[in-house]
Amino acid sequence: MIWLVGEVLVSKLQTGDIMYNMEGMKRCPLDNTFSLIGKRFTVLILRNMMSNQTRFNQFIESIDGINPKTLSTRLKEMEKNGLIQRKIYHETPVRIEYNLTQKGRNLKSILDQMAVFSVQFCVKDVFEDGKPRTNKVISKILS
């Protein structure tokens, strides 16, 4: 297996090697990614944006426990980190929409894997009936 890391292709790591401890790194890539998406509600905002939500009030209505101040802060952080872009429509009333950048869209596979992990290993927390799902059902969740 080959990964593209920045502009560099990295071949499959040998058993025992860890990509997040490669020579020349100044920061663990896992820690770096977590600094971008690890704050409370950020992953939920990304999830909703991947489901085509774009407006502030849509996020407020669909994310339990988030308040307007926190949402505003997270959106500003996400924009500063290059995960989203903010577009202002000069109409009456003014309309603002938030959209994922390519960098933000590239997080989809990470979020999908997080969802798969919970569906496979945390069924009692995820499903009302607490029963595991088949791979076929899990595949539908990701499509």
Protein backbone atom coordinates (compact mmCIF):
# COMPACT_ATOMS: atom_id res chain seq x y z
CA MET A 1 0.00 0.00 0.00
CA ILE A 2 1.21 3.52 -0.80
CA TRP A 3 0.10 6.74 0.87
CA LEU A 4 0.44 10.25 -0.46
CA VAL A 5 1.76 12.45 2.33
CA GLY A 6 1.92 16.00 1.06
CA GLU A 7 3.86 15.67 -2.18
CA VAL A 8 5.74 12.55 -1.03
CA LEU A 9 4.68 8.98 -1.67
CA VAL A 10 5.24 6.76 1.36
CA SER A 11 5.42 3.03 0.74
CA LYS A 12 3.90 0.49 3.10
CA LEU A 13 5.45 0.67 6.51
CA GLN A 14 7.21 -2.39 7.81
CA THR A 15 5.74 -4.25 10.76
CA GLY A 16 6.44 -2.21 13.87
CA ASP A 17 7.03 1.04 11.97
CA ILE A 18 4.74 3.92 12.68
CA MET A 19 4.13 6.66 10.15
CA TYR A 20 3.67 9.23 12.87
CA ASN A 21 7.24 8.84 14.04
CA MET A 22 9.13 9.30 10.78
CA GLU A 23 12.52 10.97 10.62
CA GLY A 24 12.38 14.72 10.19
CA MET A 25 8.90 15.23 11.64
CA LYS A 26 8.50 18.17 13.96
CA ARG A 27 5.01 17.18 15.13
CA CYS A 28 3.00 14.00 15.29
CA PRO A 29 0.50 14.05 12.39
CA LEU A 30 -2.18 12.49 14.60
CA ASP A 31 -1.76 15.28 17.13
CA ASN A 32 -1.85 17.84 14.33
CA THR A 33 -5.08 16.44 12.86
CA PHE A 34 -6.62 16.26 16.32
CA SER A 35 -5.76 19.94 16.84
CA LEU A 36 -7.83 20.72 13.72
CA ILE A 37 -10.89 18.57 14.45
CA GLY A 38 -10.65 17.58 18.11
CA LYS A 39 -12.49 20.44 19.77
CA ARG A 40 -16.03 19.84 20.94
CA PHE A 41 -18.62 20.06 18.14
CA THR A 42 -16.09 20.46 15.27
CA VAL A 43 -16.59 16.89 14.01
CA LEU A 44 -20.37 17.31 14.23
CA ILE A 45 -20.22 20.53 12.20
CA LEU A 46 -18.09 18.74 9.60
CA ARG A 47 -20.53 15.81 9.57
CA ASN A 48 -23.45 18.16 8.94
CA MET A 49 -21.58 20.07 6.25
CA MET A 50 -20.90 16.76 4.50
CA SER A 51 -24.69 16.30 4.55
CA ASN A 52 -25.07 19.64 2.72
CA GLN A 53 -25.89 21.90 5.64
CA THR A 54 -24.45 25.35 5.00
CA ARG A 55 -26.25 27.82 7.27
CA PHE A 56 -25.64 28.89 10.86
CA ASN A 57 -29.22 28.21 11.99
CA GLN A 58 -29.17 24.75 10.41
CA PHE A 59 -26.21 23.87 12.61
CA ILE A 60 -27.81 25.34 15.73
CA GLU A 61 -31.02 23.35 15.14
CA SER A 62 -29.32 20.03 14.36
CA ILE A 63 -26.41 19.82 16.82
CA ASP A 64 -27.54 19.07 20.35
CA GLY A 65 -25.97 21.20 23.04
CA ILE A 66 -24.23 23.76 20.84
CA ASN A 67 -24.90 27.43 21.51
CA PRO A 68 -24.48 30.34 19.07
CA LYS A 69 -21.25 31.62 20.66
CA THR A 70 -19.57 28.21 20.51
CA LEU A 71 -20.77 27.61 16.95
CA SER A 72 -19.46 31.00 15.86
CA THR A 73 -16.09 30.27 17.49
CA ARG A 74 -15.80 26.81 15.86
CA LEU A 75 -16.74 28.15 12.42
CA LYS A 76 -14.07 30.88 12.72
CA GLU A 77 -11.47 28.30 13.80
CA MET A 78 -12.41 25.98 10.95
CA GLU A 79 -12.17 28.85 8.45
CA LYS A 80 -8.77 29.91 9.86
CA ASN A 81 -7.54 26.29 9.56
CA GLY A 82 -8.66 26.11 5.93
CA LEU A 83 -11.38 23.48 6.48
CA ILE A 84 -14.28 25.70 5.42
CA GLN A 85 -14.90 28.89 3.53
CA ARG A 86 -17.42 31.55 4.40
CA LYS A 87 -19.42 33.18 1.63
CA ILE A 88 -21.46 36.32 2.18
CA TYR A 89 -24.41 37.03 -0.12
CA HIS A 90 -25.17 40.76 -0.19
CA GLU A 91 -28.93 40.58 -0.29
CA THR A 92 -31.63 41.66 2.10
CA PRO A 93 -31.36 40.16 4.59
CA VAL A 94 -27.67 39.30 4.27
CA ARG A 95 -27.14 35.56 3.82
CA ILE A 96 -23.98 33.74 4.93
CA GLU A 97 -23.14 30.19 3.91
CA TYR A 98 -20.30 27.93 4.97
CA ASN A 99 -18.85 25.33 2.63
CA LEU A 100 -16.12 22.75 2.95
CA THR A 101 -12.83 23.38 1.21
CA GLN A 102 -10.97 20.53 -0.45
CA LYS A 103 -9.00 20.15 2.78
CA GLY A 104 -12.27 19.82 4.71
CA ARG A 105 -13.77 17.37 2.20
CA ASN A 106 -10.67 15.20 2.53
CA LEU A 107 -11.62 14.56 6.17
CA LYS A 108 -14.62 12.47 5.04
CA SER A 109 -12.69 9.21 5.01
CA ILE A 110 -11.47 9.88 8.57
CA LEU A 111 -15.01 10.60 9.78
CA ASP A 112 -16.28 7.50 7.96
CA GLN A 113 -13.69 5.34 9.72
CA MET A 114 -14.64 6.85 13.07
CA ALA A 115 -18.28 5.98 12.35
CA VAL A 116 -17.36 2.42 11.33
CA PHE A 117 -15.39 1.99 14.55
CA SER A 118 -18.41 2.97 16.65
CA VAL A 119 -20.82 0.87 14.61
CA GLN A 120 -18.56 -2.16 15.05
CA PHE A 121 -17.34 -1.76 18.62
CA CYS A 122 -19.82 0.49 20.45
CA VAL A 123 -23.15 -0.95 19.32
CA LYS A 124 -24.81 -0.51 22.72
CA ASP A 125 -24.03 3.21 22.60
CA VAL A 126 -24.89 3.70 18.93
CA PHE A 127 -28.00 1.61 18.32
CA GLU A 128 -31.22 1.67 20.33
CA ASP A 129 -31.49 -2.13 20.18
CA GLY A 130 -27.79 -2.57 21.07
CA LYS A 131 -27.37 -5.22 18.36
CA PRO A 132 -24.37 -5.37 16.00
CA ARG A 133 -24.90 -4.74 12.30
CA THR A 134 -23.61 -6.79 9.39
CA ASN A 135 -20.89 -5.54 7.03
CA LYS A 136 -23.59 -5.06 4.39
CA VAL A 137 -25.48 -2.68 6.67
CA ILE A 138 -22.28 -0.86 7.60
CA SER A 139 -21.48 -0.41 3.89
CA LYS A 140 -24.89 1.24 3.40
CA ILE A 141 -24.13 3.66 6.22
CA LEU A 142 -21.02 4.82 4.39
CA SER A 143 -22.62 5.21 0.98
